[in-house]
Amino acid sequence: MLLYNLHKRGNPSNDFHKYHLAIHLEGGLLLTLRCASFLMFNLLYVILAVAYLTLLIYKLRKSNYSKKQKVIYIMSGISAAILAAFIVGWNLYV
């Protein structure tokens, strides 16, 4: 759906959509992979989530997005923060 909307509207003027897509892809990989390298993906997800949240705060202050886009980005940030908190709280990155 997101890719269809991006293609329908053309290329966005900024690269923030790439980070938004990256955090969702990493979250999907995190939930589907069940192998020995799972712990490395957990650490990578925590790092990506922190970077995404930092960029999200910066971009939402500096750019004017529609209310719908802001809600989607904020909800994505909240879900990334919750999952990263679970990973850190359960020591799944060690």
N, C-alpha and C. Protein backbone atom coordinates (compact mmCIF):
# COMPACT_ATOMS: atom_id res chain seq x y z
N MET A 1 0.82 -1.19 0.00
CA MET A 1 0.00 0.00 0.00
C MET A 1 0.88 1.26 0.00
N LEU A 2 1.91 1.25 0.87
CA LEU A 2 2.79 2.41 0.95
C LEU A 2 3.54 2.60 -0.36
N LEU A 3 4.05 1.51 -0.92
CA LEU A 3 4.78 1.63 -2.18
C LEU A 3 3.86 2.08 -3.31
N TYR A 4 2.61 1.61 -3.31
CA TYR A 4 1.66 2.03 -4.33
C TYR A 4 1.40 3.52 -4.23
N ASN A 5 1.21 4.02 -3.00
CA ASN A 5 0.95 5.45 -2.82
C ASN A 5 2.15 6.29 -3.22
N LEU A 6 3.37 5.82 -2.91
CA LEU A 6 4.56 6.55 -3.31
C LEU A 6 4.70 6.59 -4.82
N HIS A 7 4.41 5.46 -5.46
CA HIS A 7 4.51 5.40 -6.92
C HIS A 7 3.41 6.27 -7.55
N LYS A 8 2.24 6.28 -6.97
CA LYS A 8 1.12 7.04 -7.51
C LYS A 8 1.39 8.54 -7.45
N ARG A 9 2.01 9.00 -6.36
CA ARG A 9 2.27 10.42 -6.19
C ARG A 9 3.60 10.85 -6.80
N GLY A 10 4.42 9.93 -7.20
CA GLY A 10 5.73 10.27 -7.73
C GLY A 10 6.77 10.21 -6.64
N ASN A 11 7.96 10.60 -6.94
CA ASN A 11 9.05 10.57 -5.98
C ASN A 11 8.85 11.64 -4.92
N PRO A 12 8.98 11.30 -3.64
CA PRO A 12 8.87 12.32 -2.60
C PRO A 12 10.05 13.27 -2.65
N SER A 13 9.87 14.45 -2.10
CA SER A 13 10.92 15.45 -2.17
C SER A 13 12.02 15.19 -1.15
N ASN A 14 11.80 14.31 -0.19
CA ASN A 14 12.85 14.02 0.79
C ASN A 14 13.06 12.52 0.89
N ASP A 15 14.10 12.15 1.63
CA ASP A 15 14.46 10.75 1.76
C ASP A 15 13.92 10.12 3.03
N PHE A 16 13.05 10.81 3.75
CA PHE A 16 12.55 10.28 5.01
C PHE A 16 11.75 9.00 4.80
N HIS A 17 11.11 8.84 3.65
CA HIS A 17 10.33 7.64 3.36
C HIS A 17 11.23 6.40 3.34
N LYS A 18 12.47 6.56 2.95
CA LYS A 18 13.41 5.43 2.94
C LYS A 18 13.63 4.92 4.36
N TYR A 19 13.78 5.84 5.32
CA TYR A 19 13.99 5.43 6.70
C TYR A 19 12.73 4.79 7.26
N HIS A 20 11.60 5.32 6.90
CA HIS A 20 10.31 4.78 7.33
C HIS A 20 10.16 3.35 6.81
N LEU A 21 10.49 3.13 5.58
CA LEU A 21 10.41 1.80 4.98
C LEU A 21 11.45 0.86 5.60
N ALA A 22 12.63 1.37 5.89
CA ALA A 22 13.70 0.54 6.47
C ALA A 22 13.31 0.02 7.85
N ILE A 23 12.70 0.85 8.67
CA ILE A 23 12.33 0.42 10.01
C ILE A 23 11.25 -0.65 9.95
N HIS A 24 10.35 -0.56 8.98
CA HIS A 24 9.32 -1.58 8.85
C HIS A 24 9.88 -2.88 8.28
N LEU A 25 10.79 -2.79 7.34
CA LEU A 25 11.40 -4.00 6.80
C LEU A 25 12.22 -4.73 7.87
N GLU A 26 12.96 -3.96 8.66
CA GLU A 26 13.75 -4.57 9.73
C GLU A 26 12.83 -5.20 10.78
N GLY A 27 11.73 -4.55 11.10
CA GLY A 27 10.77 -5.13 12.03
C GLY A 27 10.16 -6.42 11.50
N GLY A 28 9.88 -6.44 10.21
CA GLY A 28 9.34 -7.66 9.60
C GLY A 28 10.36 -8.78 9.62
N LEU A 29 11.61 -8.46 9.32
CA LEU A 29 12.67 -9.47 9.38
C LEU A 29 12.86 -9.97 10.81
N LEU A 30 12.75 -9.05 11.75
CA LEU A 30 12.93 -9.42 13.15
C LEU A 30 11.88 -10.43 13.60
N LEU A 31 10.67 -10.26 13.13
CA LEU A 31 9.59 -11.16 13.53
C LEU A 31 9.62 -12.49 12.79
N THR A 32 10.18 -12.53 11.59
CA THR A 32 10.14 -13.76 10.81
C THR A 32 11.38 -14.62 10.91
N LEU A 33 12.52 -14.05 11.23
CA LEU A 33 13.75 -14.84 11.28
C LEU A 33 13.84 -15.61 12.60
N ARG A 34 14.21 -16.86 12.49
CA ARG A 34 14.41 -17.69 13.68
C ARG A 34 15.68 -18.52 13.47
N CYS A 35 16.81 -17.84 13.51
CA CYS A 35 18.07 -18.53 13.27
C CYS A 35 19.12 -18.01 14.24
N ALA A 36 20.35 -18.47 14.12
CA ALA A 36 21.42 -18.09 15.04
C ALA A 36 21.75 -16.60 14.95
N SER A 37 21.56 -16.00 13.81
CA SER A 37 21.88 -14.57 13.67
C SER A 37 20.74 -13.68 14.16
N PHE A 38 19.76 -14.27 14.82
CA PHE A 38 18.61 -13.52 15.32
C PHE A 38 19.05 -12.43 16.29
N LEU A 39 20.03 -12.72 17.15
CA LEU A 39 20.46 -11.75 18.14
C LEU A 39 21.12 -10.54 17.49
N MET A 40 21.82 -10.76 16.39
CA MET A 40 22.44 -9.64 15.68
C MET A 40 21.36 -8.74 15.08
N PHE A 41 20.28 -9.34 14.58
CA PHE A 41 19.18 -8.55 14.04
C PHE A 41 18.49 -7.75 15.14
N ASN A 42 18.44 -8.29 16.35
CA ASN A 42 17.86 -7.55 17.47
C ASN A 42 18.66 -6.29 17.76
N LEU A 43 19.97 -6.44 17.81
CA LEU A 43 20.82 -5.28 18.05
C LEU A 43 20.69 -4.27 16.92
N LEU A 44 20.67 -4.75 15.70
CA LEU A 44 20.50 -3.87 14.54
C LEU A 44 19.16 -3.14 14.61
N TYR A 45 18.12 -3.84 15.04
CA TYR A 45 16.81 -3.21 15.14
C TYR A 45 16.81 -2.10 16.19
N VAL A 46 17.44 -2.33 17.33
CA VAL A 46 17.49 -1.30 18.37
C VAL A 46 18.22 -0.07 17.86
N ILE A 47 19.32 -0.27 17.16
CA ILE A 47 20.08 0.86 16.60
C ILE A 47 19.25 1.60 15.56
N LEU A 48 18.59 0.84 14.69
CA LEU A 48 17.74 1.47 13.67
C LEU A 48 16.56 2.22 14.29
N ALA A 49 15.98 1.65 15.33
CA ALA A 49 14.83 2.30 15.99
C ALA A 49 15.25 3.62 16.62
N VAL A 50 16.40 3.65 17.27
CA VAL A 50 16.88 4.89 17.89
C VAL A 50 17.16 5.93 16.81
N ALA A 51 17.79 5.52 15.72
CA ALA A 51 18.07 6.44 14.62
C ALA A 51 16.76 6.95 14.00
N TYR A 52 15.80 6.05 13.83
CA TYR A 52 14.51 6.44 13.25
C TYR A 52 13.79 7.44 14.15
N LEU A 53 13.78 7.18 15.45
CA LEU A 53 13.08 8.09 16.36
C LEU A 53 13.75 9.46 16.40
N THR A 54 15.07 9.48 16.37
CA THR A 54 15.79 10.76 16.34
C THR A 54 15.47 11.53 15.06
N LEU A 55 15.51 10.85 13.95
CA LEU A 55 15.20 11.49 12.67
C LEU A 55 13.74 11.91 12.60
N LEU A 56 12.86 11.10 13.17
CA LEU A 56 11.44 11.42 13.18
C LEU A 56 11.17 12.72 13.93
N ILE A 57 11.77 12.87 15.10
CA ILE A 57 11.57 14.09 15.88
C ILE A 57 12.09 15.30 15.11
N TYR A 58 13.26 15.16 14.52
CA TYR A 58 13.84 16.26 13.76
C TYR A 58 12.99 16.62 12.54
N LYS A 59 12.58 15.61 11.77
CA LYS A 59 11.82 15.86 10.54
C LYS A 59 10.43 16.42 10.81
N LEU A 60 9.76 15.94 11.85
CA LEU A 60 8.41 16.43 12.13
C LEU A 60 8.42 17.88 12.58
N ARG A 61 9.51 18.31 13.19
CA ARG A 61 9.62 19.72 13.59
C ARG A 61 9.94 20.63 12.41
N LYS A 62 10.76 20.13 11.50
CA LYS A 62 11.25 20.97 10.40
C LYS A 62 10.36 20.95 9.16
N SER A 63 9.59 19.88 8.97
CA SER A 63 8.81 19.74 7.75
C SER A 63 7.32 19.82 8.05
N ASN A 64 6.57 20.18 7.05
CA ASN A 64 5.13 20.19 7.22
C ASN A 64 4.53 19.05 6.40
N TYR A 65 4.07 18.03 7.13
CA TYR A 65 3.40 16.89 6.54
C TYR A 65 1.92 17.02 6.82
N SER A 66 1.11 16.26 6.09
CA SER A 66 -0.31 16.25 6.38
C SER A 66 -0.54 15.55 7.72
N LYS A 67 -1.72 15.75 8.30
CA LYS A 67 -2.02 15.12 9.58
C LYS A 67 -1.96 13.60 9.48
N LYS A 68 -2.43 13.06 8.36
CA LYS A 68 -2.42 11.61 8.16
C LYS A 68 -0.99 11.08 8.14
N GLN A 69 -0.09 11.77 7.44
CA GLN A 69 1.31 11.34 7.39
C GLN A 69 1.95 11.43 8.77
N LYS A 70 1.66 12.51 9.51
CA LYS A 70 2.22 12.64 10.85
C LYS A 70 1.76 11.52 11.76
N VAL A 71 0.47 11.18 11.68
CA VAL A 71 -0.06 10.11 12.53
C VAL A 71 0.60 8.78 12.18
N ILE A 72 0.75 8.50 10.90
CA ILE A 72 1.39 7.24 10.48
C ILE A 72 2.84 7.20 10.96
N TYR A 73 3.59 8.28 10.79
CA TYR A 73 4.98 8.31 11.23
C TYR A 73 5.09 8.19 12.74
N ILE A 74 4.23 8.88 13.48
CA ILE A 74 4.27 8.82 14.94
C ILE A 74 3.91 7.43 15.44
N MET A 75 2.89 6.81 14.84
CA MET A 75 2.51 5.45 15.25
C MET A 75 3.64 4.45 14.93
N SER A 76 4.30 4.63 13.81
CA SER A 76 5.44 3.77 13.47
C SER A 76 6.57 3.96 14.48
N GLY A 77 6.80 5.19 14.86
CA GLY A 77 7.83 5.48 15.86
C GLY A 77 7.51 4.88 17.21
N ILE A 78 6.25 4.94 17.61
CA ILE A 78 5.83 4.36 18.88
C ILE A 78 6.00 2.85 18.86
N SER A 79 5.58 2.22 17.77
CA SER A 79 5.72 0.76 17.69
C SER A 79 7.18 0.34 17.66
N ALA A 80 8.03 1.10 16.98
CA ALA A 80 9.46 0.80 16.95
C ALA A 80 10.07 0.97 18.34
N ALA A 81 9.65 2.00 19.06
CA ALA A 81 10.17 2.23 20.41
C ALA A 81 9.74 1.12 21.36
N ILE A 82 8.51 0.67 21.25
CA ILE A 82 8.02 -0.40 22.12
C ILE A 82 8.78 -1.69 21.86
N LEU A 83 8.95 -2.05 20.60
CA LEU A 83 9.68 -3.28 20.28
C LEU A 83 11.14 -3.18 20.71
N ALA A 84 11.77 -2.03 20.52
CA ALA A 84 13.15 -1.84 20.96
C ALA A 84 13.24 -1.92 22.48
N ALA A 85 12.25 -1.39 23.19
CA ALA A 85 12.23 -1.47 24.66
C ALA A 85 12.12 -2.91 25.12
N PHE A 86 11.30 -3.71 24.44
CA PHE A 86 11.20 -5.13 24.78
C PHE A 86 12.53 -5.85 24.56
N ILE A 87 13.19 -5.55 23.46
CA ILE A 87 14.47 -6.18 23.16
C ILE A 87 15.50 -5.84 24.23
N VAL A 88 15.57 -4.56 24.60
CA VAL A 88 16.54 -4.13 25.62
C VAL A 88 16.13 -4.68 26.99
N GLY A 89 14.86 -4.62 27.31
CA GLY A 89 14.38 -5.10 28.61
C GLY A 89 14.58 -6.59 28.82
N TRP A 90 14.48 -7.37 27.79
CA TRP A 90 14.63 -8.83 27.89
C TRP A 90 16.05 -9.27 27.56
N ASN A 91 16.95 -8.32 27.33
CA ASN A 91 18.34 -8.61 26.98
C ASN A 91 18.47 -9.55 25.79
N LEU A 92 17.66 -9.32 24.77
CA LEU A 92 17.69 -10.16 23.57
C LEU A 92 18.75 -9.76 22.57
N TYR A 93 19.56 -8.78 22.93
CA TYR A 93 20.60 -8.32 22.02
C TYR A 93 21.96 -8.90 22.38
N VAL A 94 22.05 -9.65 23.45
CA VAL A 94 23.33 -10.21 23.92
C VAL A 94 23.58 -11.55 23.31
